[in-house]
């Protein structure tokens, strides 16, 4: 199994993760539960991901008659963006639902195709890729790093926020924008004249509050549940990029399950992902309405001409990153999406 490159700043964190992994087998489990699944994620429970994770827990425990217990750790309460993938590989948790952006930095740059700006016009477009042959192929490739890819679900489209309206390419000049650790997203902001600052999601609100960054991009549900409106005066409904997640399991854990238990987990996950995908749009619409009612942030909608100018401005990202993602893959996706 290929090891992951570790920055020197992460060595102490890795040592702590190793300790947790060694202690993992002594975790106390209820007497009636024979299998424990620790499922960690970094967003609030009220988001589509959080609600889907909780639905998964309920279904697994119900269908296994308590034989399998699922402990959910939301809001980066156990691991943050920088730690969770290594924690999974070490066996400190059994399952995660990382954003697709995170797979690029652990040796799967193909997943960064989902970060390409203005690639998808609708959720239906996204699912033609994620639920089709391309998406299934990408999940299988995760086995190279000891991961089992189990499925995808959506959190919808990202919107831009800052303390000024972001309507034209020149509006981004000089801004420090928080980004996930994705070369594609970083390139997107650089071509707009902004400075990308990679930070874990759990640190974003604090970074906005203290002025470490000036703005960010998020689905409205994440923006609202994290109360970023308290530090961002303007939100632009740009729908420039998609954000989704892949549910992954530790391969050693997955192979340790009996066939019957694996089917319980798989069927519960399929139903939970279907639930999460159905509510993603609803949760974002609900969050947007609550944001409008709060009146704390001005909300802007791009005109067709403004959207076209932004789309044109970020086209160099495709040329810059096609080699990393795979030019043939990018072309395959574009042909699949072509009307």
Protein backbone atom coordinates (compact mmCIF):
# COMPACT_ATOMS: atom_id res chain seq x y z
CA UNK A 1 0.00 0.00 0.00
CA UNK A 2 1.47 3.32 -1.05
CA UNK A 3 2.18 5.71 1.84
CA UNK A 4 0.98 9.29 1.84
CA UNK A 5 3.43 12.20 1.78
CA UNK A 6 3.46 13.99 5.13
CA UNK A 7 4.55 17.58 5.63
CA UNK A 8 6.97 18.05 8.48
CA UNK A 9 4.44 20.19 10.35
CA UNK A 10 2.15 17.15 10.57
CA UNK A 11 4.58 14.82 12.34
CA UNK A 12 3.31 15.53 15.86
CA UNK A 13 -0.27 15.17 14.69
CA UNK A 14 0.56 11.84 13.07
CA UNK A 15 2.12 10.60 16.30
CA UNK A 16 -1.11 11.45 18.11
CA UNK A 17 -3.15 9.66 15.46
CA UNK A 18 -0.96 6.60 15.78
CA UNK A 19 -1.58 6.57 19.51
CA UNK A 20 -5.32 6.78 18.95
CA UNK A 21 -5.13 3.94 16.43
CA UNK A 22 -3.32 1.77 18.97
CA UNK A 23 -5.96 2.54 21.57
CA UNK A 24 -8.85 1.98 19.17
CA UNK A 25 -9.44 -1.71 20.04
CA UNK A 26 -10.17 -0.86 23.69
CA UNK A 27 -13.06 1.44 22.79
CA UNK A 28 -16.01 0.55 25.02
CA UNK A 29 -18.93 -0.87 23.02
CA UNK A 30 -22.42 -1.53 24.35
CA UNK A 31 -22.83 -5.16 25.36
CA UNK A 32 -25.35 -5.87 22.60
CA UNK A 33 -23.17 -4.35 19.84
CA UNK A 34 -20.54 -6.57 18.24
CA UNK A 35 -19.35 -4.12 15.58
CA UNK A 36 -18.52 -0.45 16.10
CA UNK A 37 -18.36 2.02 13.21
CA UNK A 38 -16.86 5.40 14.05
CA UNK A 39 -17.97 7.88 11.37
CA UNK A 40 -16.28 11.29 11.44
CA UNK A 41 -17.14 14.39 9.41
CA UNK A 42 -16.35 18.10 9.59
CA UNK A 43 -19.68 19.89 9.10
CA UNK A 44 -22.68 20.64 11.30
CA UNK A 45 -25.38 18.06 11.92
CA UNK A 46 -27.99 20.33 10.28
CA UNK A 47 -26.25 20.20 6.89
CA UNK A 48 -27.13 17.62 4.21
CA UNK A 49 -24.00 15.62 5.08
CA UNK A 50 -24.77 15.70 8.79
CA UNK A 51 -28.39 14.65 8.28
CA UNK A 52 -27.40 11.85 5.91
CA UNK A 53 -24.80 10.55 8.39
CA UNK A 54 -27.39 10.48 11.16
CA UNK A 55 -29.85 8.66 8.89
CA UNK A 56 -27.13 6.09 8.15
CA UNK A 57 -26.61 5.52 11.87
CA UNK A 58 -30.32 5.01 12.50
CA UNK A 59 -30.74 2.59 9.59
CA UNK A 60 -27.68 0.48 10.43
CA UNK A 61 -28.60 0.11 14.08
CA UNK A 62 -32.22 -0.67 13.25
CA UNK A 63 -31.46 -3.22 10.52
CA UNK A 64 -28.79 -4.98 12.57
CA UNK A 65 -31.00 -5.15 15.67
CA UNK A 66 -28.28 -3.31 17.57
CA UNK A 67 -25.56 -5.73 16.53
CA UNK A 68 -23.77 -2.87 14.74
CA UNK A 69 -23.36 0.46 16.46
CA UNK A 70 -22.49 3.69 14.64
CA UNK A 71 -20.95 6.62 16.51
CA UNK A 72 -21.10 9.90 14.57
CA UNK A 73 -18.52 12.63 15.23
CA UNK A 74 -19.78 15.80 13.48
CA UNK A 75 -18.31 19.27 13.19
CA UNK A 76 -14.64 18.17 13.25
CA UNK A 77 -15.19 17.13 16.87
CA UNK A 78 -12.72 14.28 16.43
CA UNK A 79 -10.67 15.05 13.30
CA UNK A 80 -10.49 18.06 11.01
CA UNK A 81 -9.81 18.34 7.29
CA UNK A 82 -6.08 17.87 7.76
CA UNK A 83 -6.32 14.78 9.96
CA UNK A 84 -9.28 12.68 8.94
CA UNK A 85 -7.89 10.85 5.92
CA UNK A 86 -4.80 9.71 7.81
CA UNK A 87 -7.00 8.74 10.78
CA UNK A 88 -9.03 6.51 8.47
CA UNK A 89 -5.97 4.81 7.02
CA UNK A 90 -4.63 4.19 10.53
CA UNK A 91 -7.90 2.65 11.69
CA UNK A 92 -8.67 5.41 14.24
CA UNK A 93 -12.06 5.72 12.52
CA UNK A 94 -13.86 3.30 10.21
CA UNK A 95 -15.72 5.65 7.87
CA UNK A 96 -15.54 9.19 6.53
CA UNK A 97 -17.39 11.36 4.03
CA UNK A 98 -14.64 13.73 2.80
CA UNK A 99 -15.27 16.35 0.16
CA UNK A 100 -14.10 15.21 -3.26
CA UNK A 101 -11.43 17.93 -3.21
CA UNK A 102 -9.49 16.06 -0.53
CA UNK A 103 -8.65 13.07 -2.68
CA UNK A 104 -6.31 15.01 -4.92
CA UNK A 105 -3.78 15.59 -2.20
CA UNK A 106 -3.56 11.88 -1.28
CA UNK A 107 -2.73 10.72 -4.77
CA UNK A 108 -6.01 10.83 -6.68
CA UNK A 109 -5.93 14.04 -8.75
CA UNK A 110 -8.67 12.60 -10.99
CA UNK A 111 -11.20 13.55 -8.32
CA UNK A 112 -10.27 17.21 -8.78
CA UNK A 113 -12.33 17.24 -11.95
CA UNK A 114 -15.32 17.91 -9.68
CA UNK A 115 -13.64 21.19 -8.63
CA UNK A 116 -13.39 22.61 -12.14
CA UNK A 117 -15.30 25.91 -12.22
CA UNK A 118 -18.51 26.08 -14.25
CA UNK A 119 -18.15 22.46 -15.35
CA UNK A 120 -21.66 21.47 -14.25
CA UNK A 121 -24.84 23.39 -14.98
CA UNK A 122 -27.10 21.26 -12.77
CA UNK A 123 -27.14 18.49 -10.19
CA UNK A 124 -28.42 16.22 -12.94
CA UNK A 125 -25.17 16.90 -14.81
CA UNK A 126 -23.16 16.01 -11.71
CA UNK A 127 -24.96 12.71 -11.29
CA UNK A 128 -24.40 11.74 -14.90
CA UNK A 129 -20.73 11.67 -13.90
CA UNK A 130 -20.77 10.51 -10.26
CA UNK A 131 -23.44 7.82 -10.71
CA UNK A 132 -22.18 6.67 -14.11
CA UNK A 133 -19.16 4.70 -15.32
CA UNK A 134 -16.71 7.54 -14.61
CA UNK A 135 -17.78 7.88 -10.98
CA UNK A 136 -17.70 4.12 -10.39
CA UNK A 137 -14.24 3.90 -11.93
CA UNK A 138 -12.94 6.61 -9.61
CA UNK A 139 -14.25 4.83 -6.51
CA UNK A 140 -12.52 1.60 -7.50
CA UNK A 141 -9.21 3.44 -7.84
CA UNK A 142 -9.30 4.37 -4.14
CA UNK A 143 -8.22 0.82 -3.37
CA UNK A 144 -4.67 1.87 -4.20
CA UNK A 145 -4.51 3.64 -0.82
CA UNK A 146 -6.31 1.03 1.27
CA UNK A 147 -9.68 2.77 0.98
CA UNK A 148 -13.05 1.39 -0.06
CA UNK A 149 -15.17 3.86 -2.00
CA UNK A 150 -18.83 3.28 -1.14
CA UNK A 151 -20.73 6.08 -2.86
CA UNK A 152 -21.27 9.77 -3.50
CA UNK A 153 -23.64 12.40 -2.29
CA UNK A 154 -24.22 16.06 -2.95
CA UNK A 155 -24.10 19.32 -1.09
CA UNK A 156 -25.06 21.34 -4.12
CA UNK A 157 -23.33 24.32 -5.65
CA UNK A 158 -20.95 26.78 -4.05
CA UNK A 159 -21.58 30.51 -3.73
CA UNK A 160 -18.99 33.29 -3.29
CA UNK A 161 -18.89 35.50 -0.20
CA UNK A 162 -16.82 38.48 0.94
CA UNK A 163 -17.28 41.93 2.42
CA UNK A 164 -18.12 43.35 -0.98
CA UNK A 165 -20.19 42.10 -3.92
CA UNK A 166 -18.35 39.62 -6.16
CA UNK A 167 -20.00 40.17 -9.52
CA UNK A 168 -17.16 40.76 -11.96
CA UNK A 169 -13.68 39.21 -12.28
CA UNK A 170 -12.08 42.46 -11.10
CA UNK A 171 -14.03 42.30 -7.81
CA UNK A 172 -11.73 39.50 -6.63
CA UNK A 173 -8.49 41.45 -7.00
CA UNK A 174 -6.40 41.35 -3.83
CA UNK A 175 -8.83 39.31 -1.74
CA UNK A 176 -7.58 36.49 0.49
CA UNK A 177 -10.03 33.65 -0.14
CA UNK A 178 -10.25 30.56 2.04
CA UNK A 179 -10.10 27.38 -0.03
CA UNK A 180 -10.06 23.65 0.50
CA UNK A 181 -6.75 21.98 -0.21
CA UNK A 182 -7.34 21.72 -3.97
CA UNK A 183 -5.01 22.87 -6.71
CA UNK A 184 -7.99 23.48 -8.96
CA UNK A 185 -9.76 25.78 -6.52
CA UNK A 186 -6.52 27.59 -5.71
CA UNK A 187 -5.89 28.13 -9.44
CA UNK A 188 -9.45 29.40 -9.85
CA UNK A 189 -8.84 32.23 -7.40
CA UNK A 190 -5.37 33.01 -8.66
CA UNK A 191 -6.62 33.63 -12.20
CA UNK A 192 -9.19 36.01 -10.71
CA UNK A 193 -6.43 37.98 -8.99
CA UNK A 194 -7.22 36.73 -5.48
CA UNK A 195 -4.90 34.97 -3.04
CA UNK A 196 -6.05 31.43 -2.09
CA UNK A 197 -5.50 30.49 1.57
CA UNK A 198 -5.90 26.78 2.34
CA UNK A 199 -7.58 26.20 5.70
CA UNK A 200 -9.60 23.38 7.29
CA UNK A 201 -13.33 24.00 7.14
CA UNK A 202 -13.52 24.02 10.94
CA UNK A 203 -11.19 27.05 11.02
CA UNK A 204 -13.00 29.08 8.36
CA UNK A 205 -15.38 31.02 10.58
CA UNK A 206 -12.61 32.04 12.94
CA UNK A 207 -10.41 33.05 10.00
CA UNK A 208 -13.19 35.28 8.68
CA UNK A 209 -13.78 36.76 12.13
CA UNK A 210 -10.13 37.63 12.68
CA UNK A 211 -9.44 38.87 9.16
CA UNK A 212 -7.06 36.06 8.24
CA UNK A 213 -9.15 35.69 5.09
CA UNK A 214 -11.54 38.11 3.39
CA UNK A 215 -13.94 35.68 1.82
CA UNK A 216 -14.74 32.11 0.89
CA UNK A 217 -16.95 29.81 -1.18
CA UNK A 218 -19.58 27.50 0.28
CA UNK A 219 -22.99 26.01 -0.27
CA UNK A 220 -25.54 28.20 1.48
CA UNK A 221 -26.25 25.46 4.05
CA UNK A 222 -22.62 25.53 5.22
CA UNK A 223 -22.51 29.34 5.12
CA UNK A 224 -25.64 29.61 7.29
CA UNK A 225 -25.05 26.79 9.79
CA UNK A 226 -21.55 28.13 10.48
CA UNK A 227 -23.02 31.66 10.84
CA UNK A 228 -20.52 33.10 8.42
CA UNK A 229 -23.09 35.82 7.76
CA UNK A 230 -21.83 37.47 10.95
CA UNK A 231 -18.53 38.21 9.22
CA UNK A 232 -19.49 38.41 5.53
CA UNK A 233 -21.57 41.33 4.33
CA UNK A 234 -22.17 39.98 0.82
CA UNK A 235 -23.07 36.62 -0.68
CA UNK A 236 -23.14 36.14 -4.45
CA UNK A 237 -25.27 33.28 -5.78
CA UNK A 238 -22.62 32.36 -8.31
CA UNK A 239 -23.20 28.58 -8.58
CA UNK A 240 -19.71 28.47 -10.03
CA UNK A 241 -18.64 25.14 -8.59
CA UNK A 242 -19.99 21.91 -7.20
CA UNK A 243 -19.25 20.40 -3.81
CA UNK A 244 -19.89 16.76 -3.08
CA UNK A 245 -18.58 13.96 -0.93
CA UNK A 246 -17.47 10.36 -1.26
CA UNK A 247 -18.17 7.96 1.57
CA UNK A 248 -15.11 5.81 2.19
CA UNK A 249 -14.23 3.02 4.59
CA UNK A 250 -11.00 1.60 5.93
CA UNK A 251 -10.31 -1.51 3.81
CA UNK A 252 -9.16 -3.67 6.75
CA UNK A 253 -12.35 -2.87 8.62
CA UNK A 254 -14.51 -3.47 5.54
CA UNK A 255 -12.93 -6.85 4.87
CA UNK A 256 -13.36 -7.84 8.53
CA UNK A 257 -17.15 -7.62 8.27
CA UNK A 258 -19.19 -10.71 7.62
CA UNK A 259 -21.10 -10.84 4.34
CA UNK A 260 -24.33 -10.25 6.24
CA UNK A 261 -23.00 -7.22 8.10
CA UNK A 262 -21.49 -5.79 4.94
CA UNK A 263 -24.89 -6.01 3.26
CA UNK A 264 -26.56 -4.27 6.22
CA UNK A 265 -24.06 -1.42 6.06
CA UNK A 266 -24.22 -1.18 2.26
CA UNK A 267 -28.00 -1.12 2.07
CA UNK A 268 -28.25 1.43 4.88
CA UNK A 269 -25.69 3.62 3.17
CA UNK A 270 -27.50 3.45 -0.19
CA UNK A 271 -30.70 4.62 1.48
CA UNK A 272 -28.92 7.31 3.50
CA UNK A 273 -27.17 8.65 0.41
CA UNK A 274 -30.46 8.73 -1.48
CA UNK A 275 -31.96 10.65 1.44
CA UNK A 276 -29.02 13.04 1.55
CA UNK A 277 -29.17 13.69 -2.18
CA UNK A 278 -32.91 14.37 -2.01
CA UNK A 279 -32.62 16.89 0.82
CA UNK A 280 -29.46 18.69 -0.33
CA UNK A 281 -31.34 21.15 -2.53
CA UNK A 282 -34.06 21.61 0.06
CA UNK A 283 -31.57 22.33 2.85
CA UNK A 284 -29.75 24.91 0.76
CA UNK A 285 -33.05 26.60 -0.16
CA UNK A 286 -34.11 26.59 3.49
CA UNK A 287 -30.78 28.09 4.55
CA UNK A 288 -31.06 30.79 1.88
CA UNK A 289 -34.54 31.75 3.07
CA UNK A 290 -33.35 31.92 6.69
CA UNK A 291 -30.41 34.05 5.58
CA UNK A 292 -32.74 36.42 3.75
CA UNK A 293 -34.94 36.70 6.82
CA UNK A 294 -31.95 37.37 9.08
CA UNK A 295 -30.97 40.33 6.90
CA UNK A 296 -27.35 40.13 7.99
CA UNK A 297 -25.88 39.63 4.53
CA UNK A 298 -26.69 41.23 1.19
CA UNK A 299 -27.54 38.58 -1.39
CA UNK A 300 -26.68 39.07 -5.06
CA UNK A 301 -27.62 37.08 -8.15
CA UNK A 302 -25.38 37.11 -11.19
CA UNK A 303 -26.89 38.31 -14.43
CA UNK A 304 -26.32 36.05 -17.48
CA UNK A 305 -23.69 38.51 -18.75
CA UNK A 306 -21.85 38.61 -15.40
CA UNK A 307 -21.88 34.83 -15.19
CA UNK A 308 -20.50 34.58 -18.73
CA UNK A 309 -17.65 36.95 -17.90
CA UNK A 310 -16.71 34.97 -14.78
CA UNK A 311 -16.87 31.72 -16.72
CA UNK A 312 -14.56 33.15 -19.36
CA UNK A 313 -12.15 34.51 -16.75
CA UNK A 314 -11.56 31.11 -15.16
CA UNK A 315 -11.12 29.13 -18.38
CA UNK A 316 -7.29 29.17 -18.03
CA UNK A 317 -7.76 26.79 -15.07
CA UNK A 318 -8.71 24.03 -17.51
CA UNK A 319 -5.50 24.48 -19.48
CA UNK A 320 -3.40 24.69 -16.32
CA UNK A 321 -4.82 21.62 -14.56
CA UNK A 322 -5.88 19.30 -17.38
CA UNK A 323 -2.49 17.59 -17.29
CA UNK A 324 -2.77 16.91 -13.57
CA UNK A 325 -6.35 15.65 -13.64
CA UNK A 326 -5.89 13.87 -16.95
CA UNK A 327 -6.65 15.53 -20.26
CA UNK A 328 -8.42 12.42 -21.56
CA UNK A 329 -10.61 12.27 -18.44
CA UNK A 330 -11.56 15.94 -18.68
CA UNK A 331 -12.47 15.45 -22.33
CA UNK A 332 -14.49 12.32 -21.49
CA UNK A 333 -16.46 14.26 -18.87
CA UNK A 334 -17.10 17.17 -21.20
CA UNK A 335 -18.29 14.83 -23.95
CA UNK A 336 -20.55 13.00 -21.50
CA UNK A 337 -22.12 16.31 -20.47
CA UNK A 338 -22.47 17.64 -24.01
CA UNK A 339 -26.18 17.98 -25.01
